[in-house]
Structure formats: C-alpha cells, structure tokens
PDB file of N, CA and C in Angstrom:
ATOM      1  N   MET A   1       0.784  -1.122  -0.014  1.00  0.00           N
ATOM      2  CA  MET A   1       0.026  -0.019  -0.149  1.00  0.00           C
ATOM      3  C   MET A   1       0.851   0.953   0.031  1.00  0.00           C
ATOM      4  N   TRP A   2       0.410   2.161  -0.677  1.00  0.00           N
ATOM      5  CA  TRP A   2       1.168   3.297  -0.872  1.00  0.00           C
ATOM      6  C   TRP A   2       1.076   4.124   0.335  1.00  0.00           C
ATOM      7  N   ASN A   3       2.140   4.711   0.951  1.00  0.00           N
ATOM      8  CA  ASN A   3       2.064   5.718   2.089  1.00  0.00           C
ATOM      9  C   ASN A   3       3.176   6.433   1.844  1.00  0.00           C
ATOM     10  N   GLN A   4       3.158   7.762   2.926  1.00  0.00           N
ATOM     11  CA  GLN A   4       3.798   8.794   3.207  1.00  0.00           C
ATOM     12  C   GLN A   4       5.286   8.390   3.169  1.00  0.00           C
ATOM     13  N   GLU A   5       5.780   7.483   3.736  1.00  0.00           N
ATOM     14  CA  GLU A   5       6.984   6.960   3.333  1.00  0.00           C
ATOM     15  C   GLU A   5       7.616   6.465   2.073  1.00  0.00           C
ATOM     16  N   LYS A   6       6.906   5.725   1.451  1.00  0.00           N
ATOM     17  CA  LYS A   6       7.113   5.522   0.056  1.00  0.00           C
ATOM     18  C   LYS A   6       6.966   6.897  -0.887  1.00  0.00           C
ATOM     19  N   GLN A   7       6.185   7.757  -0.522  1.00  0.00           N
ATOM     20  CA  GLN A   7       6.247   8.900  -1.370  1.00  0.00           C
ATOM     21  C   GLN A   7       7.412   9.624  -0.644  1.00  0.00           C
ATOM     22  N   GLN A   8       7.714   9.829   0.138  1.00  0.00           N
ATOM     23  CA  GLN A   8       8.930  10.690   0.042  1.00  0.00           C
ATOM     24  C   GLN A   8      10.229   9.657  -0.296  1.00  0.00           C
ATOM     25  N   ARG A   9      10.387   8.767  -0.272  1.00  0.00           N
ATOM     26  CA  ARG A   9      11.529   8.139  -0.547  1.00  0.00           C
ATOM     27  C   ARG A   9      11.408   8.094  -2.226  1.00  0.00           C
ATOM     28  N   LEU A  10      10.331   8.074  -3.089  1.00  0.00           N
ATOM     29  CA  LEU A  10      10.470   8.271  -4.360  1.00  0.00           C
ATOM     30  C   LEU A  10      10.588   9.710  -4.727  1.00  0.00           C
ATOM     31  N   ASP A  11      10.296  10.588  -3.856  1.00  0.00           N
ATOM     32  CA  ASP A  11      10.619  11.998  -4.119  1.00  0.00           C
ATOM     33  C   ASP A  11      12.238  12.095  -4.098  1.00  0.00           C
ATOM     34  N   ALA A  12      12.803  11.691  -3.021  1.00  0.00           N
ATOM     35  CA  ALA A  12      14.159  11.723  -2.836  1.00  0.00           C
ATOM     36  C   ALA A  12      14.939  11.129  -3.867  1.00  0.00           C
ATOM     37  N   LEU A  13      14.474   9.990  -4.370  1.00  0.00           N
ATOM     38  CA  LEU A  13      15.139   9.407  -5.601  1.00  0.00           C
ATOM     39  C   LEU A  13      14.965  10.273  -6.664  1.00  0.00           C
ATOM     40  N   ARG A  14      13.946  11.075  -6.901  1.00  0.00           N
ATOM     41  CA  ARG A  14      13.637  11.512  -8.144  1.00  0.00           C
ATOM     42  C   ARG A  14      14.417  12.685  -8.195  1.00  0.00           C
ATOM     43  N   VAL A  15      14.728  13.582  -7.184  1.00  0.00           N
ATOM     44  CA  VAL A  15      15.805  14.369  -7.105  1.00  0.00           C
ATOM     45  C   VAL A  15      16.989  14.044  -7.263  1.00  0.00           C
ATOM     46  N   ARG A  16      17.450  12.872  -7.016  1.00  0.00           N
ATOM     47  CA  ARG A  16      18.932  12.330  -7.089  1.00  0.00           C
ATOM     48  C   ARG A  16      19.121  11.986  -8.718  1.00  0.00           C
ATOM     49  N   GLU A  17      17.826  11.781  -9.066  1.00  0.00           N
ATOM     50  CA  GLU A  17      18.087  11.273 -10.445  1.00  0.00           C
ATOM     51  C   GLU A  17      18.110  12.653 -11.496  1.00  0.00           C
ATOM     52  N   ALA A  18      17.301  13.505 -11.152  1.00  0.00           N
ATOM     53  CA  ALA A  18      17.535  14.981 -11.768  1.00  0.00           C
ATOM     54  C   ALA A  18      19.008  15.556 -11.564  1.00  0.00           C
ATOM     55  N   GLU A  19      19.628  15.015 -10.412  1.00  0.00           N
ATOM     56  CA  GLU A  19      20.776  15.541 -10.119  1.00  0.00           C
ATOM     57  C   GLU A  19      22.004  14.778 -10.912  1.00  0.00           C
ATOM     58  N   GLU A  20      21.421  13.497 -11.528  1.00  0.00           N
ATOM     59  CA  GLU A  20      22.277  12.728 -12.171  1.00  0.00           C
ATOM     60  C   GLU A  20      23.252  12.075 -11.233  1.00  0.00           C
ATOM     61  N   ARG A  21      22.652  11.829  -9.914  1.00  0.00           N
ATOM     62  CA  ARG A  21      23.503  11.120  -8.902  1.00  0.00           C
ATOM     63  C   ARG A  21      22.796   9.923  -8.329  1.00  0.00           C
ATOM     64  N   LEU A  22      22.164   9.117  -9.411  1.00  0.00           N
ATOM     65  CA  LEU A  22      21.590   7.730  -9.219  1.00  0.00           C
ATOM     66  C   LEU A  22      22.131   6.455  -9.381  1.00  0.00           C
ATOM     67  N   PRO A  23      22.733   5.918  -8.250  1.00  0.00           N
ATOM     68  CA  PRO A  23      23.537   4.733  -8.868  1.00  0.00           C
ATOM     69  C   PRO A  23      22.498   3.715  -9.129  1.00  0.00           C
ATOM     70  N   GLU A  24      22.865   2.767  -9.786  1.00  0.00           N
ATOM     71  CA  GLU A  24      22.047   1.676 -10.481  1.00  0.00           C
ATOM     72  C   GLU A  24      20.910   1.061  -9.725  1.00  0.00           C
ATOM     73  N   GLU A  25      21.632   0.581  -8.341  1.00  0.00           N
ATOM     74  CA  GLU A  25      20.601  -0.070  -7.333  1.00  0.00           C
ATOM     75  C   GLU A  25      19.248   0.876  -7.088  1.00  0.00           C
ATOM     76  N   GLU A  26      19.492   2.081  -6.884  1.00  0.00           N
ATOM     77  CA  GLU A  26      18.524   3.105  -6.510  1.00  0.00           C
ATOM     78  C   GLU A  26      17.425   3.431  -7.670  1.00  0.00           C
ATOM     79  N   ARG A  27      18.187   3.081  -9.111  1.00  0.00           N
ATOM     80  CA  ARG A  27      17.630   3.309 -10.081  1.00  0.00           C
ATOM     81  C   ARG A  27      16.655   2.308 -10.152  1.00  0.00           C
ATOM     82  N   ALA A  28      16.566   1.153  -9.806  1.00  0.00           N
ATOM     83  CA  ALA A  28      16.036  -0.149  -9.987  1.00  0.00           C
ATOM     84  C   ALA A  28      14.965   0.160  -8.831  1.00  0.00           C
ATOM     85  N   GLU A  29      15.118   0.509  -7.459  1.00  0.00           N
ATOM     86  CA  GLU A  29      14.159   0.832  -6.791  1.00  0.00           C
ATOM     87  C   GLU A  29      13.723   1.776  -7.276  1.00  0.00           C
ATOM     88  N   LEU A  30      13.929   2.988  -7.830  1.00  0.00           N
ATOM     89  CA  LEU A  30      12.899   4.081  -8.300  1.00  0.00           C
ATOM     90  C   LEU A  30      11.923   3.488  -9.143  1.00  0.00           C
ATOM     91  N   GLU A  31      12.386   2.689 -10.222  1.00  0.00           N
ATOM     92  CA  GLU A  31      11.552   1.872 -10.963  1.00  0.00           C
ATOM     93  C   GLU A  31      10.348   0.893 -10.312  1.00  0.00           C
ATOM     94  N   THR A  32      11.024   0.348  -9.095  1.00  0.00           N
ATOM     95  CA  THR A  32      10.074  -0.258  -8.665  1.00  0.00           C
ATOM     96  C   THR A  32       9.007   0.255  -7.948  1.00  0.00           C
ATOM     97  N   LEU A  33       9.201   1.547  -7.295  1.00  0.00           N
ATOM     98  CA  LEU A  33       8.355   2.740  -6.860  1.00  0.00           C
ATOM     99  C   LEU A  33       7.301   2.902  -7.476  1.00  0.00           C
ATOM    100  N   PHE A  34       7.783   3.185  -9.096  1.00  0.00           N
ATOM    101  CA  PHE A  34       7.063   4.129 -10.064  1.00  0.00           C
ATOM    102  C   PHE A  34       5.837   2.557 -10.419  1.00  0.00           C
ATOM    103  N   ALA A  35       6.565   1.468 -10.426  1.00  0.00           N
ATOM    104  CA  ALA A  35       5.531   0.435 -10.914  1.00  0.00           C
ATOM    105  C   ALA A  35       4.610   0.034  -9.878  1.00  0.00           C
ATOM    106  N   GLU A  36       5.104   0.384  -8.679  1.00  0.00           N
ATOM    107  CA  GLU A  36       4.143  -0.101  -7.507  1.00  0.00           C
ATOM    108  C   GLU A  36       3.074   1.385  -7.668  1.00  0.00           C
ATOM    109  N   LEU A  37       3.044   2.464  -7.786  1.00  0.00           N
ATOM    110  CA  LEU A  37       2.203   3.328  -7.712  1.00  0.00           C
ATOM    111  C   LEU A  37       1.695   3.257  -8.931  1.00  0.00           C
ATOM    112  N   ASP A  38       2.128   2.839 -10.322  1.00  0.00           N
ATOM    113  CA  ASP A  38       1.237   2.607 -11.300  1.00  0.00           C
ATOM    114  C   ASP A  38       0.080   1.793 -11.137  1.00  0.00           C
ATOM    115  N   ALA A  39       0.285   0.622 -10.320  1.00  0.00           N
ATOM    116  CA  ALA A  39      -0.265  -0.529 -10.115  1.00  0.00           C
ATOM    117  C   ALA A  39      -1.592  -0.001  -9.148  1.00  0.00           C
ATOM    118  N   GLU A  40      -0.996   0.866  -8.184  1.00  0.00           N
ATOM    119  CA  GLU A  40      -2.091   1.160  -7.238  1.00  0.00           C
ATOM    120  C   GLU A  40      -3.245   2.092  -8.095  1.00  0.00           C
ATOM    121  N   GLU A  41      -2.511   3.101  -8.783  1.00  0.00           N
ATOM    122  CA  GLU A  41      -3.255   3.735  -9.646  1.00  0.00           C
ATOM    123  C   GLU A  41      -4.525   3.186 -10.227  1.00  0.00           C
ATOM    124  N   ALA A  42      -3.877   2.047 -11.109  1.00  0.00           N
ATOM    125  CA  ALA A  42      -4.807   1.278 -11.988  1.00  0.00           C
ATOM    126  C   ALA A  42      -5.831   0.768 -11.113  1.00  0.00           C
ATOM    127  N   GLU A  43      -5.566   0.099 -10.236  1.00  0.00           N
ATOM    128  CA  GLU A  43      -6.516  -0.655  -9.471  1.00  0.00           C
ATOM    129  C   GLU A  43      -7.774   0.404  -8.787  1.00  0.00           C
ATOM    130  N   ALA A  44      -7.059   1.627  -8.434  1.00  0.00           N
ATOM    131  CA  ALA A  44      -8.053   2.880  -7.673  1.00  0.00           C
ATOM    132  C   ALA A  44      -8.800   3.298  -9.042  1.00  0.00           C
ATOM    133  N   LEU A  45      -8.532   3.281 -10.299  1.00  0.00           N
ATOM    134  CA  LEU A  45      -9.371   3.797 -11.297  1.00  0.00           C
ATOM    135  C   LEU A  45      -9.979   2.704 -11.882  1.00  0.00           C
ATOM    136  N   ARG A  46      -9.961   1.634 -11.559  1.00  0.00           N
ATOM    137  CA  ARG A  46     -10.468   0.360 -12.269  1.00  0.00           C
ATOM    138  C   ARG A  46     -12.282   0.500 -12.317  1.00  0.00           C
ATOM    139  N   PRO A  47     -12.966   0.778 -11.080  1.00  0.00           N
ATOM    140  CA  PRO A  47     -14.447   1.038 -10.827  1.00  0.00           C
ATOM    141  C   PRO A  47     -15.005   1.824 -11.821  1.00  0.00           C
ATOM    142  N   ALA A  48     -13.959   2.881 -11.895  1.00  0.00           N
ATOM    143  CA  ALA A  48     -14.471   4.062 -13.001  1.00  0.00           C
ATOM    144  C   ALA A  48     -14.474   3.756 -14.321  1.00  0.00           C
ATOM    145  N   LEU A  49     -13.089   3.145 -14.554  1.00  0.00           N
ATOM    146  CA  LEU A  49     -13.107   2.748 -15.998  1.00  0.00           C
ATOM    147  C   LEU A  49     -14.197   1.449 -16.509  1.00  0.00           C
ATOM    148  N   GLU A  50     -14.442   0.610 -15.612  1.00  0.00           N
ATOM    149  CA  GLU A  50     -15.367  -0.374 -15.763  1.00  0.00           C
ATOM    150  C   GLU A  50     -17.085   0.562 -15.884  1.00  0.00           C
ATOM    151  N   ARG A  51     -17.071   1.536 -15.264  1.00  0.00           N
ATOM    152  CA  ARG A  51     -18.264   2.278 -15.265  1.00  0.00           C
ATOM    153  C   ARG A  51     -18.375   2.893 -17.130  1.00  0.00           C
ATOM    154  N   MET A  52     -17.310   3.605 -17.198  1.00  0.00           N
ATOM    155  CA  MET A  52     -17.148   4.158 -18.339  1.00  0.00           C
ATOM    156  C   MET A  52     -17.469   3.139 -19.327  1.00  0.00           C
ATOM    157  N   GLN A  53     -16.829   2.260 -19.362  1.00  0.00           N
ATOM    158  CA  GLN A  53     -16.889   1.015 -20.314  1.00  0.00           C
ATOM    159  C   GLN A  53     -18.273   0.701 -20.729  1.00  0.00           C
ATOM    160  N   HIS A  54     -19.205   0.419 -19.662  1.00  0.00           N
ATOM    161  CA  HIS A  54     -20.178  -0.181 -19.444  1.00  0.00           C
ATOM    162  C   HIS A  54     -21.398   1.040 -20.277  1.00  0.00           C
ATOM    163  N   GLN A  55     -20.988   2.310 -19.767  1.00  0.00           N
ATOM    164  CA  GLN A  55     -21.673   3.250 -20.032  1.00  0.00           C
ATOM    165  C   GLN A  55     -21.569   3.493 -21.897  1.00  0.00           C
ATOM    166  N   GLN A  56     -20.300   3.628 -22.140  1.00  0.00           N
ATOM    167  CA  GLN A  56     -19.970   3.430 -23.847  1.00  0.00           C
ATOM    168  C   GLN A  56     -20.572   2.224 -24.285  1.00  0.00           C
ATOM    169  N   THR A  57     -20.899   1.185 -24.077  1.00  0.00           N
ATOM    170  CA  THR A  57     -21.794   0.169 -24.489  1.00  0.00           C
ATOM    171  C   THR A  57     -22.901   0.378 -24.594  1.00  0.00           C
ATOM    172  N   GLU A  58     -23.549   1.265 -23.755  1.00  0.00           N
ATOM    173  CA  GLU A  58     -24.873   1.630 -23.661  1.00  0.00           C
ATOM    174  C   GLU A  58     -25.313   2.505 -24.686  1.00  0.00           C
ATOM    175  N   LEU A  59     -24.459   3.371 -24.616  1.00  0.00           N
ATOM    176  CA  LEU A  59     -24.509   4.453 -25.589  1.00  0.00           C
ATOM    177  C   LEU A  59     -24.191   4.203 -27.025  1.00  0.00           C
ATOM    178  N   LEU A  60     -23.340   3.018 -27.326  1.00  0.00           N
ATOM    179  CA  LEU A  60     -23.083   2.341 -28.567  1.00  0.00           C
ATOM    180  C   LEU A  60     -24.154   1.930 -29.056  1.00  0.00           C
ATOM    181  N   ALA A  61     -25.124   0.878 -28.106  1.00  0.00           N
ATOM    182  CA  ALA A  61     -26.055   0.338 -28.401  1.00  0.00           C
ATOM    183  C   ALA A  61     -27.515   1.579 -28.681  1.00  0.00           C
ATOM    184  N   GLU A  62     -27.337   2.666 -28.029  1.00  0.00           N
ATOM    185  CA  GLU A  62     -28.535   3.758 -28.248  1.00  0.00           C
ATOM    186  C   GLU A  62     -28.280   3.952 -29.462  1.00  0.00           C
ATOM    187  N   LYS A  63     -27.256   4.351 -29.884  1.00  0.00           N
ATOM    188  CA  LYS A  63     -26.805   4.949 -31.131  1.00  0.00           C
ATOM    189  C   LYS A  63     -27.342   4.146 -32.386  1.00  0.00           C
ATOM    190  N   LYS A  64     -27.149   2.963 -31.927  1.00  0.00           N
ATOM    191  CA  LYS A  64     -27.546   1.875 -33.070  1.00  0.00           C
ATOM    192  C   LYS A  64     -28.934   1.931 -33.193  1.00  0.00           C
ATOM    193  N   HIS A  65     -29.521   1.953 -31.994  1.00  0.00           N
ATOM    194  CA  HIS A  65     -31.128   2.202 -32.219  1.00  0.00           C
ATOM    195  C   HIS A  65     -31.641   3.290 -33.020  1.00  0.00           C
ATOM    196  N   LEU A  66     -30.799   4.170 -32.759  1.00  0.00           N
ATOM    197  CA  LEU A  66     -31.497   5.506 -33.131  1.00  0.00           C
ATOM    198  C   LEU A  66     -31.397   5.544 -34.579  1.00  0.00           C
ATOM    199  N   ARG A  67     -30.005   4.977 -35.185  1.00  0.00           N
ATOM    200  CA  ARG A  67     -29.893   5.078 -36.449  1.00  0.00           C
ATOM    201  C   ARG A  67     -30.983   4.512 -37.042  1.00  0.00           C
ATOM    202  N   ALA A  68     -31.347   2.924 -36.504  1.00  0.00           N
ATOM    203  CA  ALA A  68     -32.484   2.183 -37.222  1.00  0.00           C
ATOM    204  C   ALA A  68     -33.853   3.029 -37.269  1.00  0.00           C
ATOM    205  N   GLU A  69     -34.109   3.532 -36.269  1.00  0.00           N
ATOM    206  CA  GLU A  69     -35.081   4.437 -35.938  1.00  0.00           C
ATOM    207  C   GLU A  69     -35.453   5.639 -37.145  1.00  0.00           C
ATOM    208  N   ALA A  70     -33.817   6.316 -37.428  1.00  0.00           N
ATOM    209  CA  ALA A  70     -33.854   7.149 -38.485  1.00  0.00           C
ATOM    210  C   ALA A  70     -34.017   6.980 -39.696  1.00  0.00           C
ATOM    211  N   VAL A  71     -33.521   5.691 -40.019  1.00  0.00           N
ATOM    212  CA  VAL A  71     -33.854   4.952 -41.246  1.00  0.00           C
ATOM    213  C   VAL A  71     -35.287   4.496 -41.526  1.00  0.00           C
ATOM    214  N   GLN A  72     -35.826   4.210 -40.519  1.00  0.00           N
ATOM    215  CA  GLN A  72     -37.406   3.573 -40.395  1.00  0.00           C
ATOM    216  C   GLN A  72     -38.255   5.244 -40.697  1.00  0.00           C
ATOM    217  N   LEU A  73     -37.869   6.475 -40.311  1.00  0.00           N
ATOM    218  CA  LEU A  73     -38.470   7.207 -40.184  1.00  0.00           C
ATOM    219  C   LEU A  73     -38.170   7.889 -41.744  1.00  0.00           C
ATOM    220  N   GLU A  74     -37.105   7.907 -42.097  1.00  0.00           N
ATOM    221  CA  GLU A  74     -36.760   8.150 -43.647  1.00  0.00           C
ATOM    222  C   GLU A  74     -37.675   7.647 -44.776  1.00  0.00           C
ATOM    223  N   ARG A  75     -37.878   6.032 -44.257  1.00  0.00           N
ATOM    224  CA  ARG A  75     -38.896   5.291 -45.282  1.00  0.00           C
ATOM    225  C   ARG A  75     -40.131   5.802 -45.236  1.00  0.00           C
ATOM    226  N   ILE A  76     -40.748   6.157 -44.002  1.00  0.00           N
ATOM    227  CA  ILE A  76     -42.013   6.901 -43.859  1.00  0.00           C
ATOM    228  C   ILE A  76     -42.369   7.862 -44.470  1.00  0.00           C
ATOM    229  N   ILE A  77     -41.182   8.900 -44.334  1.00  0.00           N
ATOM    230  CA  ILE A  77     -41.587  10.192 -44.942  1.00  0.00           C
ATOM    231  C   ILE A  77     -41.266  10.022 -46.553  1.00  0.00           C
ATOM    232  N   HIS A  78     -40.642   9.133 -47.156  1.00  0.00           N
ATOM    233  CA  HIS A  78     -40.676   9.256 -48.813  1.00  0.00           C
ATOM    234  C   HIS A  78     -42.178   8.209 -48.705  1.00  0.00           C
ATOM    235  N   ALA A  79     -42.351   7.693 -48.218  1.00  0.00           N
ATOM    236  CA  ALA A  79     -43.917   6.921 -48.586  1.00  0.00           C
ATOM    237  C   ALA A  79     -44.859   7.966 -48.348  1.00  0.00           C
ATOM    238  N   GLN A  80     -44.944   8.869 -47.313  1.00  0.00           N
ATOM    239  CA  GLN A  80     -46.121   9.943 -47.205  1.00  0.00           C
ATOM    240  C   GLN A  80     -45.791  10.809 -48.269  1.00  0.00           C
ATOM    241  N   GLU A  81     -44.510  11.028 -48.896  1.00  0.00           N
ATOM    242  CA  GLU A  81     -44.633  11.994 -50.159  1.00  0.00           C
ATOM    243  C   GLU A  81     -45.189  11.400 -51.338  1.00  0.00           C
ATOM    244  N   GLN A  82     -44.721  10.058 -51.422  1.00  0.00           N
ATOM    245  CA  GLN A  82     -45.313   9.347 -52.508  1.00  0.00           C
ATOM    246  C   GLN A  82     -46.932   9.148 -52.608  1.00  0.00           C
ATOM    247  N   LEU A  83     -47.274   9.313 -51.463  1.00  0.00           N
ATOM    248  CA  LEU A  83     -48.975   9.354 -51.428  1.00  0.00           C
ATOM    249  C   LEU A  83     -49.668  10.880 -51.686  1.00  0.00           C
ATOM    250  N   LEU A  84     -48.730  11.961 -51.659  1.00  0.00           N
ATOM    251  CA  LEU A  84     -49.084  13.086 -51.865  1.00  0.00           C
ATOM    252  C   LEU A  84     -48.983  13.534 -53.109  1.00  0.00           C
ATOM    253  N   VAL A  85     -48.221  12.598 -54.120  1.00  0.00           N
ATOM    254  CA  VAL A  85     -48.048  13.003 -55.545  1.00  0.00           C
ATOM    255  C   VAL A  85     -49.425  13.000 -56.297  1.00  0.00           C
ATOM    256  N   PRO A  86     -50.090  11.946 -56.072  1.00  0.00           N
ATOM    257  CA  PRO A  86     -51.501  12.224 -56.883  1.00  0.00           C
ATOM    258  C   PRO A  86     -52.093  13.412 -56.753  1.00  0.00           C
ATOM    259  N   SER A  87     -52.373  13.974 -55.396  1.00  0.00           N
ATOM    260  CA  SER A  87     -52.928  15.017 -54.876  1.00  0.00           C
ATOM    261  C   SER A  87     -52.188  16.250 -55.479  1.00  0.00           C
ATOM    262  N   ALA A  88     -51.125  16.387 -55.488  1.00  0.00           N
ATOM    263  CA  ALA A  88     -50.301  17.444 -55.776  1.00  0.00           C
ATOM    264  C   ALA A  88     -50.505  17.714 -57.411  1.00  0.00           C
ATOM    265  N   MET A  89     -50.414  16.775 -58.091  1.00  0.00           N
ATOM    266  CA  MET A  89     -51.048  16.629 -59.591  1.00  0.00           C
ATOM    267  C   MET A  89     -52.108  17.313 -59.962  1.00  0.00           C
ATOM    268  N   HIS A  90     -53.028  16.636 -58.976  1.00  0.00           N
ATOM    269  CA  HIS A  90     -54.510  17.223 -59.022  1.00  0.00           C
ATOM    270  C   HIS A  90     -54.687  18.612 -58.924  1.00  0.00           C
ATOM    271  N   ILE A  91     -53.966  19.063 -57.898  1.00  0.00           N
ATOM    272  CA  ILE A  91     -54.168  20.753 -57.315  1.00  0.00           C
ATOM    273  C   ILE A  91     -53.535  21.153 -58.548  1.00  0.00           C
ATOM    274  N   ARG A  92     -52.344  20.892 -59.060  1.00  0.00           N
ATOM    275  CA  ARG A  92     -51.494  21.606 -60.107  1.00  0.00           C
ATOM    276  C   ARG A  92     -52.593  21.663 -61.513  1.00  0.00           C
ATOM    277  N   GLY A  93     -53.419  20.624 -61.346  1.00  0.00           N
ATOM    278  CA  GLY A  93     -54.612  20.876 -62.572  1.00  0.00           C
ATOM    279  C   GLY A  93     -55.427  21.464 -62.425  1.00  0.00           C
ATOM    280  N   LEU A  94     -55.743  21.888 -61.293  1.00  0.00           N
ATOM    281  CA  LEU A  94     -56.868  22.544 -60.690  1.00  0.00           C
ATOM    282  C   LEU A  94     -56.533  24.151 -60.886  1.00  0.00           C
ATOM    283  N   THR A  95     -55.444  24.356 -60.343  1.00  0.00           N
ATOM    284  CA  THR A  95     -54.923  25.662 -60.237  1.00  0.00           C
ATOM    285  C   THR A  95     -54.252  26.196 -61.323  1.00  0.00           C
ATOM    286  N   GLY A  96     -53.740  25.340 -62.077  1.00  0.00           N
ATOM    287  CA  GLY A  96     -53.343  25.720 -63.538  1.00  0.00           C
ATOM    288  C   GLY A  96     -52.026  26.779 -63.387  1.00  0.00           C
ATOM    289  N   THR A  97     -51.546  26.730 -62.226  1.00  0.00           N
ATOM    290  CA  THR A  97     -50.426  27.750 -62.040  1.00  0.00           C
ATOM    291  C   THR A  97     -49.665  27.612 -60.686  1.00  0.00           C
ATOM    292  N   LYS A  98     -48.532  27.920 -60.658  1.00  0.00           N
ATOM    293  CA  LYS A  98     -47.783  27.728 -59.385  1.00  0.00           C
ATOM    294  C   LYS A  98     -47.933  28.795 -58.456  1.00  0.00           C
ATOM    295  N   LEU A  99     -48.873  29.888 -58.930  1.00  0.00           N
ATOM    296  CA  LEU A  99     -48.774  30.889 -58.300  1.00  0.00           C
ATOM    297  C   LEU A  99     -49.784  30.825 -56.779  1.00  0.00           C
ATOM    298  N   ILE A 100     -50.784  30.055 -57.601  1.00  0.00           N
ATOM    299  CA  ILE A 100     -52.104  29.850 -56.599  1.00  0.00           C
ATOM    300  C   ILE A 100     -51.416  28.649 -55.684  1.00  0.00           C
ATOM    301  N   ARG A 101     -51.355  28.739 -54.464  1.00  0.00           N
ATOM    302  CA  ARG A 101     -50.701  27.812 -53.734  1.00  0.00           C
ATOM    303  C   ARG A 101     -51.863  27.492 -52.531  1.00  0.00           C
ATOM    304  N   PRO A 102     -52.424  26.086 -52.459  1.00  0.00           N
ATOM    305  CA  PRO A 102     -53.311  26.083 -51.480  1.00  0.00           C
ATOM    306  C   PRO A 102     -52.903  26.000 -50.212  1.00  0.00           C
ATOM    307  N   PRO A 103     -53.831  26.441 -49.105  1.00  0.00           N
ATOM    308  CA  PRO A 103     -53.405  26.466 -47.707  1.00  0.00           C
ATOM    309  C   PRO A 103     -52.574  25.148 -47.107  1.00  0.00           C
ATOM    310  N   PHE A 104     -52.572  24.048 -47.882  1.00  0.00           N
ATOM    311  CA  PHE A 104     -51.905  23.041 -47.087  1.00  0.00           C
ATOM    312  C   PHE A 104     -50.918  22.855 -48.047  1.00  0.00           C
ATOM    313  N   ALA A 105     -50.477  23.609 -48.566  1.00  0.00           N
ATOM    314  CA  ALA A 105     -49.055  23.468 -49.885  1.00  0.00           C
ATOM    315  C   ALA A 105     -47.923  23.152 -48.896  1.00  0.00           C
ATOM    316  N   CYS A 106     -47.817  23.730 -47.295  1.00  0.00           N
ATOM    317  CA  CYS A 106     -46.433  23.228 -46.829  1.00  0.00           C
ATOM    318  C   CYS A 106     -46.302  21.908 -46.511  1.00  0.00           C
ATOM    319  N   PHE A 107     -47.613  21.117 -46.593  1.00  0.00           N
ATOM    320  CA  PHE A 107     -47.464  19.556 -46.659  1.00  0.00           C
ATOM    321  C   PHE A 107     -46.971  19.117 -47.703  1.00  0.00           C
ATOM    322  N   ILE A 108     -46.960  19.533 -48.660  1.00  0.00           N
ATOM    323  CA  ILE A 108     -46.503  19.082 -50.165  1.00  0.00           C
ATOM    324  C   ILE A 108     -45.239  19.599 -50.740  1.00  0.00           C
ATOM    325  N   PRO A 109     -44.245  18.462 -50.829  1.00  0.00           N
ATOM    326  CA  PRO A 109     -42.744  19.022 -51.319  1.00  0.00           C
ATOM    327  C   PRO A 109     -42.984  19.878 -52.404  1.00  0.00           C
ATOM    328  N   SER A 110     -42.188  21.027 -52.424  1.00  0.00           N
ATOM    329  CA  SER A 110     -42.226  22.019 -53.500  1.00  0.00           C
ATOM    330  C   SER A 110     -42.077  21.544 -54.549  1.00  0.00           C
ATOM    331  N   MET A 111     -41.277  20.458 -55.017  1.00  0.00           N
ATOM    332  CA  MET A 111     -40.980  19.850 -56.281  1.00  0.00           C
ATOM    333  C   MET A 111     -42.315  19.322 -57.112  1.00  0.00           C
ATOM    334  N   MET A 112     -43.096  18.933 -56.115  1.00  0.00           N
ATOM    335  CA  MET A 112     -44.549  18.456 -56.760  1.00  0.00           C
ATOM    336  C   MET A 112     -45.518  19.376 -57.031  1.00  0.00           C
ATOM    337  N   ILE A 113     -45.418  20.534 -56.464  1.00  0.00           N
ATOM    338  CA  ILE A 113     -46.521  21.679 -56.981  1.00  0.00           C
ATOM    339  C   ILE A 113     -45.858  22.417 -58.257  1.00  0.00           C
TER     340      ILE A 113
END
C-alpha cells in the first residue's frame, strides 16, 4: 500500500535522478516504486473505467437503435411523400399555375407543386 514513507523515498530518488547522482541499485528501486504506484493507481481507477466502459456500451447500443429508427422514419417520410404525388398533380391541374398555392401546400414538397 502506498504511504507517506514511500512517497518521500520516491521524491528523494527523483531529486537524485534529476541531479544525475542515482546509482544503479537506486535506479532499480525508483523503477520499482513507480511500478507499485502505477499498479495502485490502476487499481483505484478500475471501478471508474469499468463504469465508463459500461456506459460506452450502452451509448453505442442507443446510437445503433437511433440510426435504425432514423432509417425507418426516412422510409415513412418517403412513403408519405409518394402518397401526396397524386394530390399534388390534381391540385396543379386545378390551379393551372404555381402562383396559386393551396393552404396546405406546406405539406406537399415544393417539387410536386
């Protein structure tokens, strides 16, 4: 377990390393302390990382669902536009001009009127 004593030793070794006065055995000790610190940090972060991975999985599933829903809505829009074609042609025949726009023209794609 990481404690104040190990932190002080790590700090002292880092200072000696910066001063280029670190013998090989202390360099090995420094590496060991860094490895221990890294392992403890990884263990402390594991629950948060697992939560984030779970959340990412959920978000990817929701994204997939929303994409499928968007495709389905696009199909519905296309089908409804196709249902409007005969009505738009009839309206065009009745008005004889594009200048006269029926009150429900906002529901008919402009290319059909």
